Amino acid sequence: MSLSKVMLISTIVILAGVILLSGCAQSQPAGETGGAAIDGEALLQDRCTQCHTLDRVMNKSESADWWEQVVTNMVGKGAVLNADEQTALVEYLSATYGP
């Protein structure tokens, strides 16, 4: 094998390793936030509006238990929220749209 082929293969292997390691460094297990606060309002804007407008939310004045049931129901229908995000969203909804 020529020296140029060896160099090319070595470069590809090194780049692949760097890409894999950088991806691992950025990922977190589901449900962990690394200590960072989760913005419930941003979750509401980003995730909930994937399927519907916020009119459904803005016209409500409900308890934390009610909001928890709604969020759980939405996750059951496909909303992408880990456990910490669900908690943050329920806290935001009950504080902002509570009784």
PDB file of N, CA and C in Angstrom:
ATOM      1  N   MET A   1       0.856  -1.166   0.000  1.00  0.00           N
ATOM      2  CA  MET A   1       0.000   0.000   0.000  1.00  0.00           C
ATOM      3  C   MET A   1       0.907   1.235   0.000  1.00  0.00           C
ATOM      4  N   SER A   2       0.537   2.214  -0.796  1.00  0.00           N
ATOM      5  CA  SER A   2       1.379   3.403  -0.912  1.00  0.00           C
ATOM      6  C   SER A   2       1.216   4.286   0.324  1.00  0.00           C
ATOM      7  N   LEU A   3       2.184   5.134   0.525  1.00  0.00           N
ATOM      8  CA  LEU A   3       2.183   6.045   1.666  1.00  0.00           C
ATOM      9  C   LEU A   3       0.974   6.986   1.609  1.00  0.00           C
ATOM     10  N   SER A   4       0.586   7.440   0.429  1.00  0.00           N
ATOM     11  CA  SER A   4      -0.561   8.359   0.318  1.00  0.00           C
ATOM     12  C   SER A   4      -1.867   7.666   0.724  1.00  0.00           C
ATOM     13  N   LYS A   5      -2.018   6.380   0.406  1.00  0.00           N
ATOM     14  CA  LYS A   5      -3.220   5.658   0.813  1.00  0.00           C
ATOM     15  C   LYS A   5      -3.251   5.477   2.324  1.00  0.00           C
ATOM     16  N   VAL A   6      -2.104   5.185   2.909  1.00  0.00           N
ATOM     17  CA  VAL A   6      -2.019   5.020   4.359  1.00  0.00           C
ATOM     18  C   VAL A   6      -2.373   6.336   5.051  1.00  0.00           C
ATOM     19  N   MET A   7      -1.868   7.446   4.523  1.00  0.00           N
ATOM     20  CA  MET A   7      -2.160   8.759   5.101  1.00  0.00           C
ATOM     21  C   MET A   7      -3.662   9.083   4.989  1.00  0.00           C
ATOM     22  N   LEU A   8      -4.242   8.777   3.836  1.00  0.00           N
ATOM     23  CA  LEU A   8      -5.657   9.040   3.631  1.00  0.00           C
ATOM     24  C   LEU A   8      -6.508   8.213   4.592  1.00  0.00           C
ATOM     25  N   ILE A   9      -6.214   6.941   4.722  1.00  0.00           N
ATOM     26  CA  ILE A   9      -6.970   6.066   5.626  1.00  0.00           C
ATOM     27  C   ILE A   9      -6.801   6.531   7.072  1.00  0.00           C
ATOM     28  N   SER A  10      -5.585   6.891   7.453  1.00  0.00           N
ATOM     29  CA  SER A  10      -5.325   7.373   8.814  1.00  0.00           C
ATOM     30  C   SER A  10      -6.116   8.644   9.099  1.00  0.00           C
ATOM     31  N   THR A  11      -6.157   9.545   8.145  1.00  0.00           N
ATOM     32  CA  THR A  11      -6.894  10.798   8.305  1.00  0.00           C
ATOM     33  C   THR A  11      -8.385  10.531   8.465  1.00  0.00           C
ATOM     34  N   ILE A  12      -8.914   9.637   7.668  1.00  0.00           N
ATOM     35  CA  ILE A  12     -10.336   9.295   7.755  1.00  0.00           C
ATOM     36  C   ILE A  12     -10.661   8.684   9.116  1.00  0.00           C
ATOM     37  N   VAL A  13      -9.823   7.792   9.588  1.00  0.00           N
ATOM     38  CA  VAL A  13     -10.048   7.150  10.882  1.00  0.00           C
ATOM     39  C   VAL A  13     -10.000   8.185  12.002  1.00  0.00           C
ATOM     40  N   ILE A  14      -9.040   9.093  11.944  1.00  0.00           N
ATOM     41  CA  ILE A  14      -8.921  10.122  12.982  1.00  0.00           C
ATOM     42  C   ILE A  14     -10.139  11.044  12.960  1.00  0.00           C
ATOM     43  N   LEU A  15     -10.564  11.474  11.783  1.00  0.00           N
ATOM     44  CA  LEU A  15     -11.736  12.336  11.678  1.00  0.00           C
ATOM     45  C   LEU A  15     -13.003  11.640  12.178  1.00  0.00           C
ATOM     46  N   ALA A  16     -13.156  10.383  11.846  1.00  0.00           N
ATOM     47  CA  ALA A  16     -14.312   9.631  12.317  1.00  0.00           C
ATOM     48  C   ALA A  16     -14.316   9.563  13.846  1.00  0.00           C
ATOM     49  N   GLY A  17     -13.157   9.337  14.432  1.00  0.00           N
ATOM     50  CA  GLY A  17     -13.044   9.288  15.887  1.00  0.00           C
ATOM     51  C   GLY A  17     -13.389  10.617  16.533  1.00  0.00           C
ATOM     52  N   VAL A  18     -12.905  11.705  15.947  1.00  0.00           N
ATOM     53  CA  VAL A  18     -13.201  13.038  16.480  1.00  0.00           C
ATOM     54  C   VAL A  18     -14.701  13.319  16.405  1.00  0.00           C
ATOM     55  N   ILE A  19     -15.317  12.972  15.296  1.00  0.00           N
ATOM     56  CA  ILE A  19     -16.757  13.190  15.138  1.00  0.00           C
ATOM     57  C   ILE A  19     -17.541  12.380  16.163  1.00  0.00           C
ATOM     58  N   LEU A  20     -17.176  11.131  16.350  1.00  0.00           N
ATOM     59  CA  LEU A  20     -17.872  10.295  17.331  1.00  0.00           C
ATOM     60  C   LEU A  20     -17.699  10.822  18.745  1.00  0.00           C
ATOM     61  N   LEU A  21     -16.490  11.216  19.091  1.00  0.00           N
ATOM     62  CA  LEU A  21     -16.239  11.716  20.440  1.00  0.00           C
ATOM     63  C   LEU A  21     -16.932  13.042  20.690  1.00  0.00           C
ATOM     64  N   SER A  22     -16.983  13.916  19.704  1.00  0.00           N
ATOM     65  CA  SER A  22     -17.661  15.193  19.908  1.00  0.00           C
ATOM     66  C   SER A  22     -19.156  14.974  20.086  1.00  0.00           C
ATOM     67  N   GLY A  23     -19.737  14.019  19.394  1.00  0.00           N
ATOM     68  CA  GLY A  23     -21.149  13.704  19.568  1.00  0.00           C
ATOM     69  C   GLY A  23     -21.437  13.165  20.955  1.00  0.00           C
ATOM     70  N   CYS A  24     -20.566  12.342  21.479  1.00  0.00           N
ATOM     71  CA  CYS A  24     -20.752  11.780  22.816  1.00  0.00           C
ATOM     72  C   CYS A  24     -20.626  12.852  23.885  1.00  0.00           C
ATOM     73  N   ALA A  25     -19.754  13.796  23.683  1.00  0.00           N
ATOM     74  CA  ALA A  25     -19.541  14.841  24.678  1.00  0.00           C
ATOM     75  C   ALA A  25     -20.754  15.748  24.795  1.00  0.00           C
ATOM     76  N   GLN A  26     -21.527  15.892  23.729  1.00  0.00           N
ATOM     77  CA  GLN A  26     -22.657  16.801  23.740  1.00  0.00           C
ATOM     78  C   GLN A  26     -23.949  16.130  24.182  1.00  0.00           C
ATOM     79  N   SER A  27     -24.015  14.830  24.122  1.00  0.00           N
ATOM     80  CA  SER A  27     -25.276  14.167  24.435  1.00  0.00           C
ATOM     81  C   SER A  27     -25.436  13.979  25.930  1.00  0.00           C
ATOM     82  N   GLN A  28     -26.695  13.917  26.364  1.00  0.00           N
ATOM     83  CA  GLN A  28     -27.033  13.663  27.751  1.00  0.00           C
ATOM     84  C   GLN A  28     -28.084  12.577  27.791  1.00  0.00           C
ATOM     85  N   PRO A  29     -28.058  11.761  28.820  1.00  0.00           N
ATOM     86  CA  PRO A  29     -29.124  10.770  28.943  1.00  0.00           C
ATOM     87  C   PRO A  29     -30.468  11.470  29.063  1.00  0.00           C
ATOM     88  N   ALA A  30     -31.514  10.842  28.566  1.00  0.00           N
ATOM     89  CA  ALA A  30     -32.858  11.415  28.651  1.00  0.00           C
ATOM     90  C   ALA A  30     -33.214  11.651  30.104  1.00  0.00           C
ATOM     91  N   GLY A  31     -33.807  12.801  30.375  1.00  0.00           N
ATOM     92  CA  GLY A  31     -34.217  13.121  31.737  1.00  0.00           C
ATOM     93  C   GLY A  31     -33.188  13.893  32.521  1.00  0.00           C
ATOM     94  N   GLU A  32     -31.979  14.101  31.985  1.00  0.00           N
ATOM     95  CA  GLU A  32     -30.955  14.851  32.685  1.00  0.00           C
ATOM     96  C   GLU A  32     -30.698  16.152  31.964  1.00  0.00           C
ATOM     97  N   THR A  33     -30.511  17.207  32.728  1.00  0.00           N
ATOM     98  CA  THR A  33     -30.295  18.511  32.130  1.00  0.00           C
ATOM     99  C   THR A  33     -28.909  19.046  32.421  1.00  0.00           C
ATOM    100  N   GLY A  34     -28.092  18.282  33.117  1.00  0.00           N
ATOM    101  CA  GLY A  34     -26.758  18.756  33.428  1.00  0.00           C
ATOM    102  C   GLY A  34     -26.782  19.925  34.403  1.00  0.00           C
ATOM    103  N   GLY A  35     -27.856  20.079  35.178  1.00  0.00           N
ATOM    104  CA  GLY A  35     -27.942  21.139  36.164  1.00  0.00           C
ATOM    105  C   GLY A  35     -28.481  22.445  35.588  1.00  0.00           C
ATOM    106  N   ALA A  36     -28.659  22.524  34.295  1.00  0.00           N
ATOM    107  CA  ALA A  36     -29.178  23.746  33.685  1.00  0.00           C
ATOM    108  C   ALA A  36     -30.683  23.832  33.905  1.00  0.00           C
ATOM    109  N   ALA A  37     -31.142  25.058  34.119  1.00  0.00           N
ATOM    110  CA  ALA A  37     -32.578  25.271  34.281  1.00  0.00           C
ATOM    111  C   ALA A  37     -33.275  25.049  32.949  1.00  0.00           C
ATOM    112  N   ILE A  38     -34.445  24.489  33.005  1.00  0.00           N
ATOM    113  CA  ILE A  38     -35.236  24.239  31.799  1.00  0.00           C
ATOM    114  C   ILE A  38     -36.288  25.339  31.709  1.00  0.00           C
ATOM    115  N   ASP A  39     -36.380  25.958  30.571  1.00  0.00           N
ATOM    116  CA  ASP A  39     -37.306  27.063  30.338  1.00  0.00           C
ATOM    117  C   ASP A  39     -38.661  26.523  29.887  1.00  0.00           C
ATOM    118  N   GLY A  40     -39.629  26.544  30.797  1.00  0.00           N
ATOM    119  CA  GLY A  40     -40.963  26.034  30.497  1.00  0.00           C
ATOM    120  C   GLY A  40     -41.642  26.802  29.381  1.00  0.00           C
ATOM    121  N   GLU A  41     -41.450  28.103  29.345  1.00  0.00           N
ATOM    122  CA  GLU A  41     -42.065  28.913  28.291  1.00  0.00           C
ATOM    123  C   GLU A  41     -41.507  28.529  26.923  1.00  0.00           C
ATOM    124  N   ALA A  42     -40.185  28.307  26.855  1.00  0.00           N
ATOM    125  CA  ALA A  42     -39.571  27.897  25.586  1.00  0.00           C
ATOM    126  C   ALA A  42     -40.076  26.526  25.158  1.00  0.00           C
ATOM    127  N   LEU A  43     -40.246  25.625  26.109  1.00  0.00           N
ATOM    128  CA  LEU A  43     -40.795  24.307  25.785  1.00  0.00           C
ATOM    129  C   LEU A  43     -42.207  24.434  25.220  1.00  0.00           C
ATOM    130  N   LEU A  44     -43.005  25.278  25.846  1.00  0.00           N
ATOM    131  CA  LEU A  44     -44.370  25.493  25.369  1.00  0.00           C
ATOM    132  C   LEU A  44     -44.350  26.004  23.930  1.00  0.00           C
ATOM    133  N   GLN A  45     -43.516  26.985  23.662  1.00  0.00           N
ATOM    134  CA  GLN A  45     -43.427  27.562  22.323  1.00  0.00           C
ATOM    135  C   GLN A  45     -42.879  26.564  21.308  1.00  0.00           C
ATOM    136  N   ASP A  46     -41.825  25.844  21.683  1.00  0.00           N
ATOM    137  CA  ASP A  46     -41.129  24.960  20.737  1.00  0.00           C
ATOM    138  C   ASP A  46     -41.842  23.637  20.503  1.00  0.00           C
ATOM    139  N   ARG A  47     -42.293  23.010  21.572  1.00  0.00           N
ATOM    140  CA  ARG A  47     -42.804  21.651  21.447  1.00  0.00           C
ATOM    141  C   ARG A  47     -44.309  21.593  21.220  1.00  0.00           C
ATOM    142  N   CYS A  48     -45.056  22.398  21.967  1.00  0.00           N
ATOM    143  CA  CYS A  48     -46.513  22.294  21.908  1.00  0.00           C
ATOM    144  C   CYS A  48     -47.071  22.823  20.590  1.00  0.00           C
ATOM    145  N   THR A  49     -46.397  23.817  20.033  1.00  0.00           N
ATOM    146  CA  THR A  49     -46.884  24.388  18.779  1.00  0.00           C
ATOM    147  C   THR A  49     -46.553  23.523  17.567  1.00  0.00           C
ATOM    148  N   GLN A  50     -45.919  22.409  17.792  1.00  0.00           N
ATOM    149  CA  GLN A  50     -45.681  21.466  16.695  1.00  0.00           C
ATOM    150  C   GLN A  50     -47.000  20.875  16.197  1.00  0.00           C
ATOM    151  N   CYS A  51     -47.983  20.792  17.094  1.00  0.00           N
ATOM    152  CA  CYS A  51     -49.252  20.157  16.737  1.00  0.00           C
ATOM    153  C   CYS A  51     -50.456  21.095  16.800  1.00  0.00           C
ATOM    154  N   HIS A  52     -50.386  22.147  17.606  1.00  0.00           N
ATOM    155  CA  HIS A  52     -51.531  23.049  17.721  1.00  0.00           C
ATOM    156  C   HIS A  52     -51.078  24.445  18.137  1.00  0.00           C
ATOM    157  N   THR A  53     -52.002  25.399  18.024  1.00  0.00           N
ATOM    158  CA  THR A  53     -51.697  26.769  18.444  1.00  0.00           C
ATOM    159  C   THR A  53     -51.792  26.867  19.961  1.00  0.00           C
ATOM    160  N   LEU A  54     -51.329  27.969  20.489  1.00  0.00           N
ATOM    161  CA  LEU A  54     -51.358  28.152  21.936  1.00  0.00           C
ATOM    162  C   LEU A  54     -52.685  28.712  22.439  1.00  0.00           C
ATOM    163  N   ASP A  55     -53.646  28.910  21.543  1.00  0.00           N
ATOM    164  CA  ASP A  55     -54.965  29.368  21.971  1.00  0.00           C
ATOM    165  C   ASP A  55     -55.570  28.410  22.994  1.00  0.00           C
ATOM    166  N   ARG A  56     -55.317  27.132  22.813  1.00  0.00           N
ATOM    167  CA  ARG A  56     -55.840  26.128  23.748  1.00  0.00           C
ATOM    168  C   ARG A  56     -55.314  26.348  25.161  1.00  0.00           C
ATOM    169  N   VAL A  57     -54.093  26.822  25.260  1.00  0.00           N
ATOM    170  CA  VAL A  57     -53.450  27.019  26.550  1.00  0.00           C
ATOM    171  C   VAL A  57     -53.827  28.375  27.137  1.00  0.00           C
ATOM    172  N   MET A  58     -53.773  29.403  26.339  1.00  0.00           N
ATOM    173  CA  MET A  58     -53.938  30.769  26.814  1.00  0.00           C
ATOM    174  C   MET A  58     -55.344  31.059  27.340  1.00  0.00           C
ATOM    175  N   ASN A  59     -56.291  30.247  26.984  1.00  0.00           N
ATOM    176  CA  ASN A  59     -57.662  30.450  27.437  1.00  0.00           C
ATOM    177  C   ASN A  59     -58.005  29.619  28.672  1.00  0.00           C
ATOM    178  N   LYS A  60     -57.011  29.033  29.307  1.00  0.00           N
ATOM    179  CA  LYS A  60     -57.249  28.151  30.451  1.00  0.00           C
ATOM    180  C   LYS A  60     -56.786  28.801  31.751  1.00  0.00           C
ATOM    181  N   SER A  61     -57.338  28.324  32.826  1.00  0.00           N
ATOM    182  CA  SER A  61     -56.931  28.684  34.176  1.00  0.00           C
ATOM    183  C   SER A  61     -57.152  27.439  35.025  1.00  0.00           C
ATOM    184  N   GLU A  62     -56.135  26.565  35.035  1.00  0.00           N
ATOM    185  CA  GLU A  62     -56.310  25.241  35.636  1.00  0.00           C
ATOM    186  C   GLU A  62     -55.235  24.953  36.693  1.00  0.00           C
ATOM    187  N   SER A  63     -55.470  23.924  37.483  1.00  0.00           N
ATOM    188  CA  SER A  63     -54.559  23.525  38.560  1.00  0.00           C
ATOM    189  C   SER A  63     -53.335  22.800  38.001  1.00  0.00           C
ATOM    190  N   ALA A  64     -52.317  22.665  38.837  1.00  0.00           N
ATOM    191  CA  ALA A  64     -51.104  21.937  38.458  1.00  0.00           C
ATOM    192  C   ALA A  64     -51.435  20.479  38.121  1.00  0.00           C
ATOM    193  N   ASP A  65     -52.341  19.872  38.884  1.00  0.00           N
ATOM    194  CA  ASP A  65     -52.723  18.481  38.605  1.00  0.00           C
ATOM    195  C   ASP A  65     -53.358  18.358  37.218  1.00  0.00           C
ATOM    196  N   TRP A  66     -54.200  19.316  36.870  1.00  0.00           N
ATOM    197  CA  TRP A  66     -54.847  19.292  35.560  1.00  0.00           C
ATOM    198  C   TRP A  66     -53.805  19.438  34.456  1.00  0.00           C
ATOM    199  N   TRP A  67     -52.868  20.397  34.624  1.00  0.00           N
ATOM    200  CA  TRP A  67     -51.815  20.592  33.615  1.00  0.00           C
ATOM    201  C   TRP A  67     -50.933  19.357  33.497  1.00  0.00           C
ATOM    202  N   GLU A  68     -50.672  18.701  34.618  1.00  0.00           N
ATOM    203  CA  GLU A  68     -49.867  17.477  34.574  1.00  0.00           C
ATOM    204  C   GLU A  68     -50.565  16.400  33.751  1.00  0.00           C
ATOM    205  N   GLN A  69     -51.860  16.261  33.924  1.00  0.00           N
ATOM    206  CA  GLN A  69     -52.625  15.288  33.137  1.00  0.00           C
ATOM    207  C   GLN A  69     -52.586  15.632  31.650  1.00  0.00           C
ATOM    208  N   VAL A  70     -52.700  16.914  31.340  1.00  0.00           N
ATOM    209  CA  VAL A  70     -52.665  17.344  29.939  1.00  0.00           C
ATOM    210  C   VAL A  70     -51.300  17.039  29.321  1.00  0.00           C
ATOM    211  N   VAL A  71     -50.237  17.381  30.025  1.00  0.00           N
ATOM    212  CA  VAL A  71     -48.884  17.136  29.505  1.00  0.00           C
ATOM    213  C   VAL A  71     -48.650  15.640  29.331  1.00  0.00           C
ATOM    214  N   THR A  72     -49.054  14.850  30.308  1.00  0.00           N
ATOM    215  CA  THR A  72     -48.913  13.395  30.199  1.00  0.00           C
ATOM    216  C   THR A  72     -49.685  12.865  28.993  1.00  0.00           C
ATOM    217  N   ASN A  73     -50.880  13.381  28.795  1.00  0.00           N
ATOM    218  CA  ASN A  73     -51.702  12.991  27.653  1.00  0.00           C
ATOM    219  C   ASN A  73     -51.017  13.360  26.334  1.00  0.00           C
ATOM    220  N   MET A  74     -50.440  14.549  26.276  1.00  0.00           N
ATOM    221  CA  MET A  74     -49.772  14.996  25.048  1.00  0.00           C
ATOM    222  C   MET A  74     -48.525  14.145  24.759  1.00  0.00           C
ATOM    223  N   VAL A  75     -47.803  13.765  25.792  1.00  0.00           N
ATOM    224  CA  VAL A  75     -46.643  12.880  25.606  1.00  0.00           C
ATOM    225  C   VAL A  75     -47.124  11.538  25.066  1.00  0.00           C
ATOM    226  N   GLY A  76     -48.242  11.067  25.566  1.00  0.00           N
ATOM    227  CA  GLY A  76     -48.835   9.826  25.062  1.00  0.00           C
ATOM    228  C   GLY A  76     -49.232   9.914  23.597  1.00  0.00           C
ATOM    229  N   LYS A  77     -49.506  11.137  23.143  1.00  0.00           N
ATOM    230  CA  LYS A  77     -49.873  11.341  21.741  1.00  0.00           C
ATOM    231  C   LYS A  77     -48.673  11.677  20.858  1.00  0.00           C
ATOM    232  N   GLY A  78     -47.466  11.703  21.470  1.00  0.00           N
ATOM    233  CA  GLY A  78     -46.273  11.894  20.663  1.00  0.00           C
ATOM    234  C   GLY A  78     -45.445  13.122  20.958  1.00  0.00           C
ATOM    235  N   ALA A  79     -45.863  13.970  21.901  1.00  0.00           N
ATOM    236  CA  ALA A  79     -45.040  15.134  22.253  1.00  0.00           C
ATOM    237  C   ALA A  79     -43.702  14.644  22.806  1.00  0.00           C
ATOM    238  N   VAL A  80     -42.639  15.261  22.367  1.00  0.00           N
ATOM    239  CA  VAL A  80     -41.293  14.837  22.772  1.00  0.00           C
ATOM    240  C   VAL A  80     -40.842  15.685  23.952  1.00  0.00           C
ATOM    241  N   LEU A  81     -40.973  15.116  25.146  1.00  0.00           N
ATOM    242  CA  LEU A  81     -40.573  15.761  26.392  1.00  0.00           C
ATOM    243  C   LEU A  81     -40.045  14.703  27.340  1.00  0.00           C
ATOM    244  N   ASN A  82     -38.829  14.896  27.849  1.00  0.00           N
ATOM    245  CA  ASN A  82     -38.332  13.954  28.852  1.00  0.00           C
ATOM    246  C   ASN A  82     -38.948  14.320  30.208  1.00  0.00           C
ATOM    247  N   ALA A  83     -38.649  13.563  31.231  1.00  0.00           N
ATOM    248  CA  ALA A  83     -39.284  13.747  32.541  1.00  0.00           C
ATOM    249  C   ALA A  83     -39.013  15.137  33.116  1.00  0.00           C
ATOM    250  N   ASP A  84     -37.776  15.623  33.026  1.00  0.00           N
ATOM    251  CA  ASP A  84     -37.449  16.946  33.549  1.00  0.00           C
ATOM    252  C   ASP A  84     -38.166  18.042  32.769  1.00  0.00           C
ATOM    253  N   GLU A  85     -38.268  17.868  31.470  1.00  0.00           N
ATOM    254  CA  GLU A  85     -38.973  18.848  30.649  1.00  0.00           C
ATOM    255  C   GLU A  85     -40.460  18.858  30.969  1.00  0.00           C
ATOM    256  N   GLN A  86     -41.031  17.697  31.200  1.00  0.00           N
ATOM    257  CA  GLN A  86     -42.450  17.622  31.573  1.00  0.00           C
ATOM    258  C   GLN A  86     -42.694  18.378  32.876  1.00  0.00           C
ATOM    259  N   THR A  87     -41.823  18.161  33.842  1.00  0.00           N
ATOM    260  CA  THR A  87     -41.950  18.846  35.130  1.00  0.00           C
ATOM    261  C   THR A  87     -41.851  20.354  34.955  1.00  0.00           C
ATOM    262  N   ALA A  88     -40.864  20.803  34.193  1.00  0.00           N
ATOM    263  CA  ALA A  88     -40.683  22.237  33.964  1.00  0.00           C
ATOM    264  C   ALA A  88     -41.878  22.839  33.237  1.00  0.00           C
ATOM    265  N   LEU A  89     -42.411  22.117  32.276  1.00  0.00           N
ATOM    266  CA  LEU A  89     -43.564  22.607  31.525  1.00  0.00           C
ATOM    267  C   LEU A  89     -44.797  22.703  32.420  1.00  0.00           C
ATOM    268  N   VAL A  90     -45.043  21.689  33.232  1.00  0.00           N
ATOM    269  CA  VAL A  90     -46.192  21.712  34.150  1.00  0.00           C
ATOM    270  C   VAL A  90     -46.045  22.872  35.136  1.00  0.00           C
ATOM    271  N   GLU A  91     -44.844  23.077  35.652  1.00  0.00           N
ATOM    272  CA  GLU A  91     -44.611  24.183  36.584  1.00  0.00           C
ATOM    273  C   GLU A  91     -44.888  25.522  35.909  1.00  0.00           C
ATOM    274  N   TYR A  92     -44.415  25.680  34.681  1.00  0.00           N
ATOM    275  CA  TYR A  92     -44.656  26.926  33.950  1.00  0.00           C
ATOM    276  C   TYR A  92     -46.151  27.127  33.680  1.00  0.00           C
ATOM    277  N   LEU A  93     -46.810  26.082  33.197  1.00  0.00           N
ATOM    278  CA  LEU A  93     -48.229  26.185  32.865  1.00  0.00           C
ATOM    279  C   LEU A  93     -49.066  26.503  34.094  1.00  0.00           C
ATOM    280  N   SER A  94     -48.781  25.841  35.212  1.00  0.00           N
ATOM    281  CA  SER A  94     -49.589  26.080  36.412  1.00  0.00           C
ATOM    282  C   SER A  94     -49.313  27.438  37.013  1.00  0.00           C
ATOM    283  N   ALA A  95     -48.086  27.940  36.876  1.00  0.00           N
ATOM    284  CA  ALA A  95     -47.767  29.272  37.388  1.00  0.00           C
ATOM    285  C   ALA A  95     -48.353  30.374  36.505  1.00  0.00           C
ATOM    286  N   THR A  96     -48.360  30.133  35.206  1.00  0.00           N
ATOM    287  CA  THR A  96     -48.806  31.154  34.246  1.00  0.00           C
ATOM    288  C   THR A  96     -50.292  31.058  33.938  1.00  0.00           C
ATOM    289  N   TYR A  97     -50.795  29.845  33.871  1.00  0.00           N
ATOM    290  CA  TYR A  97     -52.193  29.614  33.490  1.00  0.00           C
ATOM    291  C   TYR A  97     -52.925  28.829  34.576  1.00  0.00           C
ATOM    292  N   GLY A  98     -52.606  29.157  35.815  1.00  0.00           N
ATOM    293  CA  GLY A  98     -53.242  28.483  36.937  1.00  0.00           C
ATOM    294  C   GLY A  98     -54.432  29.274  37.458  1.00  0.00           C
ATOM    295  N   PRO A  99     -55.117  28.686  38.428  1.00  0.00           N
ATOM    296  CA  PRO A  99     -56.292  29.358  38.985  1.00  0.00           C
ATOM    297  C   PRO A  99     -55.912  30.606  39.786  1.00  0.00           C
TER     298      PRO A  99
END
